[in-house]
Amino acid sequence: DAVLKQWAGLGYYARARNLHACAQA
């Protein structure tokens, strides 16, 4: 949720979810 809040306004929000998943991987 914190990552999505910081991403808000940048668009193409699947990128933010994948970003977080990639970092965890």
PDBML (XML) file of the C-alpha atoms, coordinates in Angstrom:
<?xml version="1.0" encoding="UTF-8" ?>
<PDBx:datablock datablockName="MODEL"
   xmlns:PDBx="http://pdbml.pdb.org/schema/pdbx-v50.xsd"
   xmlns:xsi="http://www.w3.org/2001/XMLSchema-instance"
   xsi:schemaLocation="http://pdbml.pdb.org/schema/pdbx-v50.xsd pdbx-v50.xsd">
   <PDBx:atom_siteCategory>
      <PDBx:atom_site id="1">
         <PDBx:B_iso_or_equiv>0.00</PDBx:B_iso_or_equiv>
         <PDBx:Cartn_x>0.000</PDBx:Cartn_x>
         <PDBx:Cartn_y>0.000</PDBx:Cartn_y>
         <PDBx:Cartn_z>0.000</PDBx:Cartn_z>
         <PDBx:auth_asym_id>A</PDBx:auth_asym_id>
         <PDBx:auth_atom_id>CA</PDBx:auth_atom_id>
         <PDBx:auth_comp_id>ASP</PDBx:auth_comp_id>
         <PDBx:auth_seq_id>1</PDBx:auth_seq_id>
         <PDBx:group_PDB>ATOM</PDBx:group_PDB>
         <PDBx:label_alt_id xsi:nil="true" />
         <PDBx:label_asym_id>A</PDBx:label_asym_id>
         <PDBx:label_atom_id>CA</PDBx:label_atom_id>
         <PDBx:label_comp_id>ASP</PDBx:label_comp_id>
         <PDBx:label_entity_id>1</PDBx:label_entity_id>
         <PDBx:label_seq_id>1</PDBx:label_seq_id>
         <PDBx:occupancy>1.00</PDBx:occupancy>
         <PDBx:pdbx_PDB_model_num>1</PDBx:pdbx_PDB_model_num>
         <PDBx:type_symbol>C</PDBx:type_symbol>
      </PDBx:atom_site>
      <PDBx:atom_site id="2">
         <PDBx:B_iso_or_equiv>0.00</PDBx:B_iso_or_equiv>
         <PDBx:Cartn_x>2.871</PDBx:Cartn_x>
         <PDBx:Cartn_y>2.379</PDBx:Cartn_y>
         <PDBx:Cartn_z>0.751</PDBx:Cartn_z>
         <PDBx:auth_asym_id>A</PDBx:auth_asym_id>
         <PDBx:auth_atom_id>CA</PDBx:auth_atom_id>
         <PDBx:auth_comp_id>ALA</PDBx:auth_comp_id>
         <PDBx:auth_seq_id>2</PDBx:auth_seq_id>
         <PDBx:group_PDB>ATOM</PDBx:group_PDB>
         <PDBx:label_alt_id xsi:nil="true" />
         <PDBx:label_asym_id>A</PDBx:label_asym_id>
         <PDBx:label_atom_id>CA</PDBx:label_atom_id>
         <PDBx:label_comp_id>ALA</PDBx:label_comp_id>
         <PDBx:label_entity_id>1</PDBx:label_entity_id>
         <PDBx:label_seq_id>2</PDBx:label_seq_id>
         <PDBx:occupancy>1.00</PDBx:occupancy>
         <PDBx:pdbx_PDB_model_num>1</PDBx:pdbx_PDB_model_num>
         <PDBx:type_symbol>C</PDBx:type_symbol>
      </PDBx:atom_site>
      <PDBx:atom_site id="3">
         <PDBx:B_iso_or_equiv>0.00</PDBx:B_iso_or_equiv>
         <PDBx:Cartn_x>4.426</PDBx:Cartn_x>
         <PDBx:Cartn_y>1.643</PDBx:Cartn_y>
         <PDBx:Cartn_z>-2.657</PDBx:Cartn_z>
         <PDBx:auth_asym_id>A</PDBx:auth_asym_id>
         <PDBx:auth_atom_id>CA</PDBx:auth_atom_id>
         <PDBx:auth_comp_id>VAL</PDBx:auth_comp_id>
         <PDBx:auth_seq_id>3</PDBx:auth_seq_id>
         <PDBx:group_PDB>ATOM</PDBx:group_PDB>
         <PDBx:label_alt_id xsi:nil="true" />
         <PDBx:label_asym_id>A</PDBx:label_asym_id>
         <PDBx:label_atom_id>CA</PDBx:label_atom_id>
         <PDBx:label_comp_id>VAL</PDBx:label_comp_id>
         <PDBx:label_entity_id>1</PDBx:label_entity_id>
         <PDBx:label_seq_id>3</PDBx:label_seq_id>
         <PDBx:occupancy>1.00</PDBx:occupancy>
         <PDBx:pdbx_PDB_model_num>1</PDBx:pdbx_PDB_model_num>
         <PDBx:type_symbol>C</PDBx:type_symbol>
      </PDBx:atom_site>
      <PDBx:atom_site id="4">
         <PDBx:B_iso_or_equiv>0.00</PDBx:B_iso_or_equiv>
         <PDBx:Cartn_x>1.103</PDBx:Cartn_x>
         <PDBx:Cartn_y>2.231</PDBx:Cartn_y>
         <PDBx:Cartn_z>-4.422</PDBx:Cartn_z>
         <PDBx:auth_asym_id>A</PDBx:auth_asym_id>
         <PDBx:auth_atom_id>CA</PDBx:auth_atom_id>
         <PDBx:auth_comp_id>LEU</PDBx:auth_comp_id>
         <PDBx:auth_seq_id>4</PDBx:auth_seq_id>
         <PDBx:group_PDB>ATOM</PDBx:group_PDB>
         <PDBx:label_alt_id xsi:nil="true" />
         <PDBx:label_asym_id>A</PDBx:label_asym_id>
         <PDBx:label_atom_id>CA</PDBx:label_atom_id>
         <PDBx:label_comp_id>LEU</PDBx:label_comp_id>
         <PDBx:label_entity_id>1</PDBx:label_entity_id>
         <PDBx:label_seq_id>4</PDBx:label_seq_id>
         <PDBx:occupancy>1.00</PDBx:occupancy>
         <PDBx:pdbx_PDB_model_num>1</PDBx:pdbx_PDB_model_num>
         <PDBx:type_symbol>C</PDBx:type_symbol>
      </PDBx:atom_site>
      <PDBx:atom_site id="5">
         <PDBx:B_iso_or_equiv>0.00</PDBx:B_iso_or_equiv>
         <PDBx:Cartn_x>0.661</PDBx:Cartn_x>
         <PDBx:Cartn_y>5.540</PDBx:Cartn_y>
         <PDBx:Cartn_z>-2.598</PDBx:Cartn_z>
         <PDBx:auth_asym_id>A</PDBx:auth_asym_id>
         <PDBx:auth_atom_id>CA</PDBx:auth_atom_id>
         <PDBx:auth_comp_id>LYS</PDBx:auth_comp_id>
         <PDBx:auth_seq_id>5</PDBx:auth_seq_id>
         <PDBx:group_PDB>ATOM</PDBx:group_PDB>
         <PDBx:label_alt_id xsi:nil="true" />
         <PDBx:label_asym_id>A</PDBx:label_asym_id>
         <PDBx:label_atom_id>CA</PDBx:label_atom_id>
         <PDBx:label_comp_id>LYS</PDBx:label_comp_id>
         <PDBx:label_entity_id>1</PDBx:label_entity_id>
         <PDBx:label_seq_id>5</PDBx:label_seq_id>
         <PDBx:occupancy>1.00</PDBx:occupancy>
         <PDBx:pdbx_PDB_model_num>1</PDBx:pdbx_PDB_model_num>
         <PDBx:type_symbol>C</PDBx:type_symbol>
      </PDBx:atom_site>
      <PDBx:atom_site id="6">
         <PDBx:B_iso_or_equiv>0.00</PDBx:B_iso_or_equiv>
         <PDBx:Cartn_x>4.071</PDBx:Cartn_x>
         <PDBx:Cartn_y>6.749</PDBx:Cartn_y>
         <PDBx:Cartn_z>-3.751</PDBx:Cartn_z>
         <PDBx:auth_asym_id>A</PDBx:auth_asym_id>
         <PDBx:auth_atom_id>CA</PDBx:auth_atom_id>
         <PDBx:auth_comp_id>GLN</PDBx:auth_comp_id>
         <PDBx:auth_seq_id>6</PDBx:auth_seq_id>
         <PDBx:group_PDB>ATOM</PDBx:group_PDB>
         <PDBx:label_alt_id xsi:nil="true" />
         <PDBx:label_asym_id>A</PDBx:label_asym_id>
         <PDBx:label_atom_id>CA</PDBx:label_atom_id>
         <PDBx:label_comp_id>GLN</PDBx:label_comp_id>
         <PDBx:label_entity_id>1</PDBx:label_entity_id>
         <PDBx:label_seq_id>6</PDBx:label_seq_id>
         <PDBx:occupancy>1.00</PDBx:occupancy>
         <PDBx:pdbx_PDB_model_num>1</PDBx:pdbx_PDB_model_num>
         <PDBx:type_symbol>C</PDBx:type_symbol>
      </PDBx:atom_site>
      <PDBx:atom_site id="7">
         <PDBx:B_iso_or_equiv>0.00</PDBx:B_iso_or_equiv>
         <PDBx:Cartn_x>3.356</PDBx:Cartn_x>
         <PDBx:Cartn_y>5.549</PDBx:Cartn_y>
         <PDBx:Cartn_z>-7.295</PDBx:Cartn_z>
         <PDBx:auth_asym_id>A</PDBx:auth_asym_id>
         <PDBx:auth_atom_id>CA</PDBx:auth_atom_id>
         <PDBx:auth_comp_id>TRP</PDBx:auth_comp_id>
         <PDBx:auth_seq_id>7</PDBx:auth_seq_id>
         <PDBx:group_PDB>ATOM</PDBx:group_PDB>
         <PDBx:label_alt_id xsi:nil="true" />
         <PDBx:label_asym_id>A</PDBx:label_asym_id>
         <PDBx:label_atom_id>CA</PDBx:label_atom_id>
         <PDBx:label_comp_id>TRP</PDBx:label_comp_id>
         <PDBx:label_entity_id>1</PDBx:label_entity_id>
         <PDBx:label_seq_id>7</PDBx:label_seq_id>
         <PDBx:occupancy>1.00</PDBx:occupancy>
         <PDBx:pdbx_PDB_model_num>1</PDBx:pdbx_PDB_model_num>
         <PDBx:type_symbol>C</PDBx:type_symbol>
      </PDBx:atom_site>
      <PDBx:atom_site id="8">
         <PDBx:B_iso_or_equiv>0.00</PDBx:B_iso_or_equiv>
         <PDBx:Cartn_x>-0.008</PDBx:Cartn_x>
         <PDBx:Cartn_y>7.340</PDBx:Cartn_y>
         <PDBx:Cartn_z>-7.493</PDBx:Cartn_z>
         <PDBx:auth_asym_id>A</PDBx:auth_asym_id>
         <PDBx:auth_atom_id>CA</PDBx:auth_atom_id>
         <PDBx:auth_comp_id>ALA</PDBx:auth_comp_id>
         <PDBx:auth_seq_id>8</PDBx:auth_seq_id>
         <PDBx:group_PDB>ATOM</PDBx:group_PDB>
         <PDBx:label_alt_id xsi:nil="true" />
         <PDBx:label_asym_id>A</PDBx:label_asym_id>
         <PDBx:label_atom_id>CA</PDBx:label_atom_id>
         <PDBx:label_comp_id>ALA</PDBx:label_comp_id>
         <PDBx:label_entity_id>1</PDBx:label_entity_id>
         <PDBx:label_seq_id>8</PDBx:label_seq_id>
         <PDBx:occupancy>1.00</PDBx:occupancy>
         <PDBx:pdbx_PDB_model_num>1</PDBx:pdbx_PDB_model_num>
         <PDBx:type_symbol>C</PDBx:type_symbol>
      </PDBx:atom_site>
      <PDBx:atom_site id="9">
         <PDBx:B_iso_or_equiv>0.00</PDBx:B_iso_or_equiv>
         <PDBx:Cartn_x>-0.141</PDBx:Cartn_x>
         <PDBx:Cartn_y>9.650</PDBx:Cartn_y>
         <PDBx:Cartn_z>-10.506</PDBx:Cartn_z>
         <PDBx:auth_asym_id>A</PDBx:auth_asym_id>
         <PDBx:auth_atom_id>CA</PDBx:auth_atom_id>
         <PDBx:auth_comp_id>GLY</PDBx:auth_comp_id>
         <PDBx:auth_seq_id>9</PDBx:auth_seq_id>
         <PDBx:group_PDB>ATOM</PDBx:group_PDB>
         <PDBx:label_alt_id xsi:nil="true" />
         <PDBx:label_asym_id>A</PDBx:label_asym_id>
         <PDBx:label_atom_id>CA</PDBx:label_atom_id>
         <PDBx:label_comp_id>GLY</PDBx:label_comp_id>
         <PDBx:label_entity_id>1</PDBx:label_entity_id>
         <PDBx:label_seq_id>9</PDBx:label_seq_id>
         <PDBx:occupancy>1.00</PDBx:occupancy>
         <PDBx:pdbx_PDB_model_num>1</PDBx:pdbx_PDB_model_num>
         <PDBx:type_symbol>C</PDBx:type_symbol>
      </PDBx:atom_site>
      <PDBx:atom_site id="10">
         <PDBx:B_iso_or_equiv>0.00</PDBx:B_iso_or_equiv>
         <PDBx:Cartn_x>2.560</PDBx:Cartn_x>
         <PDBx:Cartn_y>7.829</PDBx:Cartn_y>
         <PDBx:Cartn_z>-12.473</PDBx:Cartn_z>
         <PDBx:auth_asym_id>A</PDBx:auth_asym_id>
         <PDBx:auth_atom_id>CA</PDBx:auth_atom_id>
         <PDBx:auth_comp_id>LEU</PDBx:auth_comp_id>
         <PDBx:auth_seq_id>10</PDBx:auth_seq_id>
         <PDBx:group_PDB>ATOM</PDBx:group_PDB>
         <PDBx:label_alt_id xsi:nil="true" />
         <PDBx:label_asym_id>A</PDBx:label_asym_id>
         <PDBx:label_atom_id>CA</PDBx:label_atom_id>
         <PDBx:label_comp_id>LEU</PDBx:label_comp_id>
         <PDBx:label_entity_id>1</PDBx:label_entity_id>
         <PDBx:label_seq_id>10</PDBx:label_seq_id>
         <PDBx:occupancy>1.00</PDBx:occupancy>
         <PDBx:pdbx_PDB_model_num>1</PDBx:pdbx_PDB_model_num>
         <PDBx:type_symbol>C</PDBx:type_symbol>
      </PDBx:atom_site>
      <PDBx:atom_site id="11">
         <PDBx:B_iso_or_equiv>0.00</PDBx:B_iso_or_equiv>
         <PDBx:Cartn_x>0.045</PDBx:Cartn_x>
         <PDBx:Cartn_y>5.590</PDBx:Cartn_y>
         <PDBx:Cartn_z>-14.256</PDBx:Cartn_z>
         <PDBx:auth_asym_id>A</PDBx:auth_asym_id>
         <PDBx:auth_atom_id>CA</PDBx:auth_atom_id>
         <PDBx:auth_comp_id>GLY</PDBx:auth_comp_id>
         <PDBx:auth_seq_id>11</PDBx:auth_seq_id>
         <PDBx:group_PDB>ATOM</PDBx:group_PDB>
         <PDBx:label_alt_id xsi:nil="true" />
         <PDBx:label_asym_id>A</PDBx:label_asym_id>
         <PDBx:label_atom_id>CA</PDBx:label_atom_id>
         <PDBx:label_comp_id>GLY</PDBx:label_comp_id>
         <PDBx:label_entity_id>1</PDBx:label_entity_id>
         <PDBx:label_seq_id>11</PDBx:label_seq_id>
         <PDBx:occupancy>1.00</PDBx:occupancy>
         <PDBx:pdbx_PDB_model_num>1</PDBx:pdbx_PDB_model_num>
         <PDBx:type_symbol>C</PDBx:type_symbol>
      </PDBx:atom_site>
      <PDBx:atom_site id="12">
         <PDBx:B_iso_or_equiv>0.00</PDBx:B_iso_or_equiv>
         <PDBx:Cartn_x>0.096</PDBx:Cartn_x>
         <PDBx:Cartn_y>1.988</PDBx:Cartn_y>
         <PDBx:Cartn_z>-15.505</PDBx:Cartn_z>
         <PDBx:auth_asym_id>A</PDBx:auth_asym_id>
         <PDBx:auth_atom_id>CA</PDBx:auth_atom_id>
         <PDBx:auth_comp_id>TYR</PDBx:auth_comp_id>
         <PDBx:auth_seq_id>12</PDBx:auth_seq_id>
         <PDBx:group_PDB>ATOM</PDBx:group_PDB>
         <PDBx:label_alt_id xsi:nil="true" />
         <PDBx:label_asym_id>A</PDBx:label_asym_id>
         <PDBx:label_atom_id>CA</PDBx:label_atom_id>
         <PDBx:label_comp_id>TYR</PDBx:label_comp_id>
         <PDBx:label_entity_id>1</PDBx:label_entity_id>
         <PDBx:label_seq_id>12</PDBx:label_seq_id>
         <PDBx:occupancy>1.00</PDBx:occupancy>
         <PDBx:pdbx_PDB_model_num>1</PDBx:pdbx_PDB_model_num>
         <PDBx:type_symbol>C</PDBx:type_symbol>
      </PDBx:atom_site>
      <PDBx:atom_site id="13">
         <PDBx:B_iso_or_equiv>0.00</PDBx:B_iso_or_equiv>
         <PDBx:Cartn_x>-0.302</PDBx:Cartn_x>
         <PDBx:Cartn_y>0.747</PDBx:Cartn_y>
         <PDBx:Cartn_z>-11.951</PDBx:Cartn_z>
         <PDBx:auth_asym_id>A</PDBx:auth_asym_id>
         <PDBx:auth_atom_id>CA</PDBx:auth_atom_id>
         <PDBx:auth_comp_id>TYR</PDBx:auth_comp_id>
         <PDBx:auth_seq_id>13</PDBx:auth_seq_id>
         <PDBx:group_PDB>ATOM</PDBx:group_PDB>
         <PDBx:label_alt_id xsi:nil="true" />
         <PDBx:label_asym_id>A</PDBx:label_asym_id>
         <PDBx:label_atom_id>CA</PDBx:label_atom_id>
         <PDBx:label_comp_id>TYR</PDBx:label_comp_id>
         <PDBx:label_entity_id>1</PDBx:label_entity_id>
         <PDBx:label_seq_id>13</PDBx:label_seq_id>
         <PDBx:occupancy>1.00</PDBx:occupancy>
         <PDBx:pdbx_PDB_model_num>1</PDBx:pdbx_PDB_model_num>
         <PDBx:type_symbol>C</PDBx:type_symbol>
      </PDBx:atom_site>
      <PDBx:atom_site id="14">
         <PDBx:B_iso_or_equiv>0.00</PDBx:B_iso_or_equiv>
         <PDBx:Cartn_x>0.494</PDBx:Cartn_x>
         <PDBx:Cartn_y>-2.893</PDBx:Cartn_y>
         <PDBx:Cartn_z>-12.675</PDBx:Cartn_z>
         <PDBx:auth_asym_id>A</PDBx:auth_asym_id>
         <PDBx:auth_atom_id>CA</PDBx:auth_atom_id>
         <PDBx:auth_comp_id>ALA</PDBx:auth_comp_id>
         <PDBx:auth_seq_id>14</PDBx:auth_seq_id>
         <PDBx:group_PDB>ATOM</PDBx:group_PDB>
         <PDBx:label_alt_id xsi:nil="true" />
         <PDBx:label_asym_id>A</PDBx:label_asym_id>
         <PDBx:label_atom_id>CA</PDBx:label_atom_id>
         <PDBx:label_comp_id>ALA</PDBx:label_comp_id>
         <PDBx:label_entity_id>1</PDBx:label_entity_id>
         <PDBx:label_seq_id>14</PDBx:label_seq_id>
         <PDBx:occupancy>1.00</PDBx:occupancy>
         <PDBx:pdbx_PDB_model_num>1</PDBx:pdbx_PDB_model_num>
         <PDBx:type_symbol>C</PDBx:type_symbol>
      </PDBx:atom_site>
      <PDBx:atom_site id="15">
         <PDBx:B_iso_or_equiv>0.00</PDBx:B_iso_or_equiv>
         <PDBx:Cartn_x>4.087</PDBx:Cartn_x>
         <PDBx:Cartn_y>-1.651</PDBx:Cartn_y>
         <PDBx:Cartn_z>-12.860</PDBx:Cartn_z>
         <PDBx:auth_asym_id>A</PDBx:auth_asym_id>
         <PDBx:auth_atom_id>CA</PDBx:auth_atom_id>
         <PDBx:auth_comp_id>ARG</PDBx:auth_comp_id>
         <PDBx:auth_seq_id>15</PDBx:auth_seq_id>
         <PDBx:group_PDB>ATOM</PDBx:group_PDB>
         <PDBx:label_alt_id xsi:nil="true" />
         <PDBx:label_asym_id>A</PDBx:label_asym_id>
         <PDBx:label_atom_id>CA</PDBx:label_atom_id>
         <PDBx:label_comp_id>ARG</PDBx:label_comp_id>
         <PDBx:label_entity_id>1</PDBx:label_entity_id>
         <PDBx:label_seq_id>15</PDBx:label_seq_id>
         <PDBx:occupancy>1.00</PDBx:occupancy>
         <PDBx:pdbx_PDB_model_num>1</PDBx:pdbx_PDB_model_num>
         <PDBx:type_symbol>C</PDBx:type_symbol>
      </PDBx:atom_site>
      <PDBx:atom_site id="16">
         <PDBx:B_iso_or_equiv>0.00</PDBx:B_iso_or_equiv>
         <PDBx:Cartn_x>3.986</PDBx:Cartn_x>
         <PDBx:Cartn_y>-0.725</PDBx:Cartn_y>
         <PDBx:Cartn_z>-9.163</PDBx:Cartn_z>
         <PDBx:auth_asym_id>A</PDBx:auth_asym_id>
         <PDBx:auth_atom_id>CA</PDBx:auth_atom_id>
         <PDBx:auth_comp_id>ALA</PDBx:auth_comp_id>
         <PDBx:auth_seq_id>16</PDBx:auth_seq_id>
         <PDBx:group_PDB>ATOM</PDBx:group_PDB>
         <PDBx:label_alt_id xsi:nil="true" />
         <PDBx:label_asym_id>A</PDBx:label_asym_id>
         <PDBx:label_atom_id>CA</PDBx:label_atom_id>
         <PDBx:label_comp_id>ALA</PDBx:label_comp_id>
         <PDBx:label_entity_id>1</PDBx:label_entity_id>
         <PDBx:label_seq_id>16</PDBx:label_seq_id>
         <PDBx:occupancy>1.00</PDBx:occupancy>
         <PDBx:pdbx_PDB_model_num>1</PDBx:pdbx_PDB_model_num>
         <PDBx:type_symbol>C</PDBx:type_symbol>
      </PDBx:atom_site>
      <PDBx:atom_site id="17">
         <PDBx:B_iso_or_equiv>0.00</PDBx:B_iso_or_equiv>
         <PDBx:Cartn_x>2.616</PDBx:Cartn_x>
         <PDBx:Cartn_y>-4.123</PDBx:Cartn_y>
         <PDBx:Cartn_z>-8.138</PDBx:Cartn_z>
         <PDBx:auth_asym_id>A</PDBx:auth_asym_id>
         <PDBx:auth_atom_id>CA</PDBx:auth_atom_id>
         <PDBx:auth_comp_id>ARG</PDBx:auth_comp_id>
         <PDBx:auth_seq_id>17</PDBx:auth_seq_id>
         <PDBx:group_PDB>ATOM</PDBx:group_PDB>
         <PDBx:label_alt_id xsi:nil="true" />
         <PDBx:label_asym_id>A</PDBx:label_asym_id>
         <PDBx:label_atom_id>CA</PDBx:label_atom_id>
         <PDBx:label_comp_id>ARG</PDBx:label_comp_id>
         <PDBx:label_entity_id>1</PDBx:label_entity_id>
         <PDBx:label_seq_id>17</PDBx:label_seq_id>
         <PDBx:occupancy>1.00</PDBx:occupancy>
         <PDBx:pdbx_PDB_model_num>1</PDBx:pdbx_PDB_model_num>
         <PDBx:type_symbol>C</PDBx:type_symbol>
      </PDBx:atom_site>
      <PDBx:atom_site id="18">
         <PDBx:B_iso_or_equiv>0.00</PDBx:B_iso_or_equiv>
         <PDBx:Cartn_x>5.209</PDBx:Cartn_x>
         <PDBx:Cartn_y>-5.908</PDBx:Cartn_y>
         <PDBx:Cartn_z>-10.283</PDBx:Cartn_z>
         <PDBx:auth_asym_id>A</PDBx:auth_asym_id>
         <PDBx:auth_atom_id>CA</PDBx:auth_atom_id>
         <PDBx:auth_comp_id>ASN</PDBx:auth_comp_id>
         <PDBx:auth_seq_id>18</PDBx:auth_seq_id>
         <PDBx:group_PDB>ATOM</PDBx:group_PDB>
         <PDBx:label_alt_id xsi:nil="true" />
         <PDBx:label_asym_id>A</PDBx:label_asym_id>
         <PDBx:label_atom_id>CA</PDBx:label_atom_id>
         <PDBx:label_comp_id>ASN</PDBx:label_comp_id>
         <PDBx:label_entity_id>1</PDBx:label_entity_id>
         <PDBx:label_seq_id>18</PDBx:label_seq_id>
         <PDBx:occupancy>1.00</PDBx:occupancy>
         <PDBx:pdbx_PDB_model_num>1</PDBx:pdbx_PDB_model_num>
         <PDBx:type_symbol>C</PDBx:type_symbol>
      </PDBx:atom_site>
      <PDBx:atom_site id="19">
         <PDBx:B_iso_or_equiv>0.00</PDBx:B_iso_or_equiv>
         <PDBx:Cartn_x>7.917</PDBx:Cartn_x>
         <PDBx:Cartn_y>-3.621</PDBx:Cartn_y>
         <PDBx:Cartn_z>-8.894</PDBx:Cartn_z>
         <PDBx:auth_asym_id>A</PDBx:auth_asym_id>
         <PDBx:auth_atom_id>CA</PDBx:auth_atom_id>
         <PDBx:auth_comp_id>LEU</PDBx:auth_comp_id>
         <PDBx:auth_seq_id>19</PDBx:auth_seq_id>
         <PDBx:group_PDB>ATOM</PDBx:group_PDB>
         <PDBx:label_alt_id xsi:nil="true" />
         <PDBx:label_asym_id>A</PDBx:label_asym_id>
         <PDBx:label_atom_id>CA</PDBx:label_atom_id>
         <PDBx:label_comp_id>LEU</PDBx:label_comp_id>
         <PDBx:label_entity_id>1</PDBx:label_entity_id>
         <PDBx:label_seq_id>19</PDBx:label_seq_id>
         <PDBx:occupancy>1.00</PDBx:occupancy>
         <PDBx:pdbx_PDB_model_num>1</PDBx:pdbx_PDB_model_num>
         <PDBx:type_symbol>C</PDBx:type_symbol>
      </PDBx:atom_site>
      <PDBx:atom_site id="20">
         <PDBx:B_iso_or_equiv>0.00</PDBx:B_iso_or_equiv>
         <PDBx:Cartn_x>7.125</PDBx:Cartn_x>
         <PDBx:Cartn_y>-4.720</PDBx:Cartn_y>
         <PDBx:Cartn_z>-5.355</PDBx:Cartn_z>
         <PDBx:auth_asym_id>A</PDBx:auth_asym_id>
         <PDBx:auth_atom_id>CA</PDBx:auth_atom_id>
         <PDBx:auth_comp_id>HIS</PDBx:auth_comp_id>
         <PDBx:auth_seq_id>20</PDBx:auth_seq_id>
         <PDBx:group_PDB>ATOM</PDBx:group_PDB>
         <PDBx:label_alt_id xsi:nil="true" />
         <PDBx:label_asym_id>A</PDBx:label_asym_id>
         <PDBx:label_atom_id>CA</PDBx:label_atom_id>
         <PDBx:label_comp_id>HIS</PDBx:label_comp_id>
         <PDBx:label_entity_id>1</PDBx:label_entity_id>
         <PDBx:label_seq_id>20</PDBx:label_seq_id>
         <PDBx:occupancy>1.00</PDBx:occupancy>
         <PDBx:pdbx_PDB_model_num>1</PDBx:pdbx_PDB_model_num>
         <PDBx:type_symbol>C</PDBx:type_symbol>
      </PDBx:atom_site>
      <PDBx:atom_site id="21">
         <PDBx:B_iso_or_equiv>0.00</PDBx:B_iso_or_equiv>
         <PDBx:Cartn_x>6.888</PDBx:Cartn_x>
         <PDBx:Cartn_y>-8.395</PDBx:Cartn_y>
         <PDBx:Cartn_z>-6.333</PDBx:Cartn_z>
         <PDBx:auth_asym_id>A</PDBx:auth_asym_id>
         <PDBx:auth_atom_id>CA</PDBx:auth_atom_id>
         <PDBx:auth_comp_id>ALA</PDBx:auth_comp_id>
         <PDBx:auth_seq_id>21</PDBx:auth_seq_id>
         <PDBx:group_PDB>ATOM</PDBx:group_PDB>
         <PDBx:label_alt_id xsi:nil="true" />
         <PDBx:label_asym_id>A</PDBx:label_asym_id>
         <PDBx:label_atom_id>CA</PDBx:label_atom_id>
         <PDBx:label_comp_id>ALA</PDBx:label_comp_id>
         <PDBx:label_entity_id>1</PDBx:label_entity_id>
         <PDBx:label_seq_id>21</PDBx:label_seq_id>
         <PDBx:occupancy>1.00</PDBx:occupancy>
         <PDBx:pdbx_PDB_model_num>1</PDBx:pdbx_PDB_model_num>
         <PDBx:type_symbol>C</PDBx:type_symbol>
      </PDBx:atom_site>
      <PDBx:atom_site id="22">
         <PDBx:B_iso_or_equiv>0.00</PDBx:B_iso_or_equiv>
         <PDBx:Cartn_x>10.200</PDBx:Cartn_x>
         <PDBx:Cartn_y>-8.169</PDBx:Cartn_y>
         <PDBx:Cartn_z>-8.207</PDBx:Cartn_z>
         <PDBx:auth_asym_id>A</PDBx:auth_asym_id>
         <PDBx:auth_atom_id>CA</PDBx:auth_atom_id>
         <PDBx:auth_comp_id>CYS</PDBx:auth_comp_id>
         <PDBx:auth_seq_id>22</PDBx:auth_seq_id>
         <PDBx:group_PDB>ATOM</PDBx:group_PDB>
         <PDBx:label_alt_id xsi:nil="true" />
         <PDBx:label_asym_id>A</PDBx:label_asym_id>
         <PDBx:label_atom_id>CA</PDBx:label_atom_id>
         <PDBx:label_comp_id>CYS</PDBx:label_comp_id>
         <PDBx:label_entity_id>1</PDBx:label_entity_id>
         <PDBx:label_seq_id>22</PDBx:label_seq_id>
         <PDBx:occupancy>1.00</PDBx:occupancy>
         <PDBx:pdbx_PDB_model_num>1</PDBx:pdbx_PDB_model_num>
         <PDBx:type_symbol>C</PDBx:type_symbol>
      </PDBx:atom_site>
      <PDBx:atom_site id="23">
         <PDBx:B_iso_or_equiv>0.00</PDBx:B_iso_or_equiv>
         <PDBx:Cartn_x>11.970</PDBx:Cartn_x>
         <PDBx:Cartn_y>-6.609</PDBx:Cartn_y>
         <PDBx:Cartn_z>-5.219</PDBx:Cartn_z>
         <PDBx:auth_asym_id>A</PDBx:auth_asym_id>
         <PDBx:auth_atom_id>CA</PDBx:auth_atom_id>
         <PDBx:auth_comp_id>ALA</PDBx:auth_comp_id>
         <PDBx:auth_seq_id>23</PDBx:auth_seq_id>
         <PDBx:group_PDB>ATOM</PDBx:group_PDB>
         <PDBx:label_alt_id xsi:nil="true" />
         <PDBx:label_asym_id>A</PDBx:label_asym_id>
         <PDBx:label_atom_id>CA</PDBx:label_atom_id>
         <PDBx:label_comp_id>ALA</PDBx:label_comp_id>
         <PDBx:label_entity_id>1</PDBx:label_entity_id>
         <PDBx:label_seq_id>23</PDBx:label_seq_id>
         <PDBx:occupancy>1.00</PDBx:occupancy>
         <PDBx:pdbx_PDB_model_num>1</PDBx:pdbx_PDB_model_num>
         <PDBx:type_symbol>C</PDBx:type_symbol>
      </PDBx:atom_site>
      <PDBx:atom_site id="24">
         <PDBx:B_iso_or_equiv>0.00</PDBx:B_iso_or_equiv>
         <PDBx:Cartn_x>10.727</PDBx:Cartn_x>
         <PDBx:Cartn_y>-9.434</PDBx:Cartn_y>
         <PDBx:Cartn_z>-3.005</PDBx:Cartn_z>
         <PDBx:auth_asym_id>A</PDBx:auth_asym_id>
         <PDBx:auth_atom_id>CA</PDBx:auth_atom_id>
         <PDBx:auth_comp_id>GLN</PDBx:auth_comp_id>
         <PDBx:auth_seq_id>24</PDBx:auth_seq_id>
         <PDBx:group_PDB>ATOM</PDBx:group_PDB>
         <PDBx:label_alt_id xsi:nil="true" />
         <PDBx:label_asym_id>A</PDBx:label_asym_id>
         <PDBx:label_atom_id>CA</PDBx:label_atom_id>
         <PDBx:label_comp_id>GLN</PDBx:label_comp_id>
         <PDBx:label_entity_id>1</PDBx:label_entity_id>
         <PDBx:label_seq_id>24</PDBx:label_seq_id>
         <PDBx:occupancy>1.00</PDBx:occupancy>
         <PDBx:pdbx_PDB_model_num>1</PDBx:pdbx_PDB_model_num>
         <PDBx:type_symbol>C</PDBx:type_symbol>
      </PDBx:atom_site>
      <PDBx:atom_site id="25">
         <PDBx:B_iso_or_equiv>0.00</PDBx:B_iso_or_equiv>
         <PDBx:Cartn_x>11.891</PDBx:Cartn_x>
         <PDBx:Cartn_y>-12.024</PDBx:Cartn_y>
         <PDBx:Cartn_z>-5.555</PDBx:Cartn_z>
         <PDBx:auth_asym_id>A</PDBx:auth_asym_id>
         <PDBx:auth_atom_id>CA</PDBx:auth_atom_id>
         <PDBx:auth_comp_id>ALA</PDBx:auth_comp_id>
         <PDBx:auth_seq_id>25</PDBx:auth_seq_id>
         <PDBx:group_PDB>ATOM</PDBx:group_PDB>
         <PDBx:label_alt_id xsi:nil="true" />
         <PDBx:label_asym_id>A</PDBx:label_asym_id>
         <PDBx:label_atom_id>CA</PDBx:label_atom_id>
         <PDBx:label_comp_id>ALA</PDBx:label_comp_id>
         <PDBx:label_entity_id>1</PDBx:label_entity_id>
         <PDBx:label_seq_id>25</PDBx:label_seq_id>
         <PDBx:occupancy>1.00</PDBx:occupancy>
         <PDBx:pdbx_PDB_model_num>1</PDBx:pdbx_PDB_model_num>
         <PDBx:type_symbol>C</PDBx:type_symbol>
      </PDBx:atom_site>
   </PDBx:atom_siteCategory>
</PDBx:datablock>
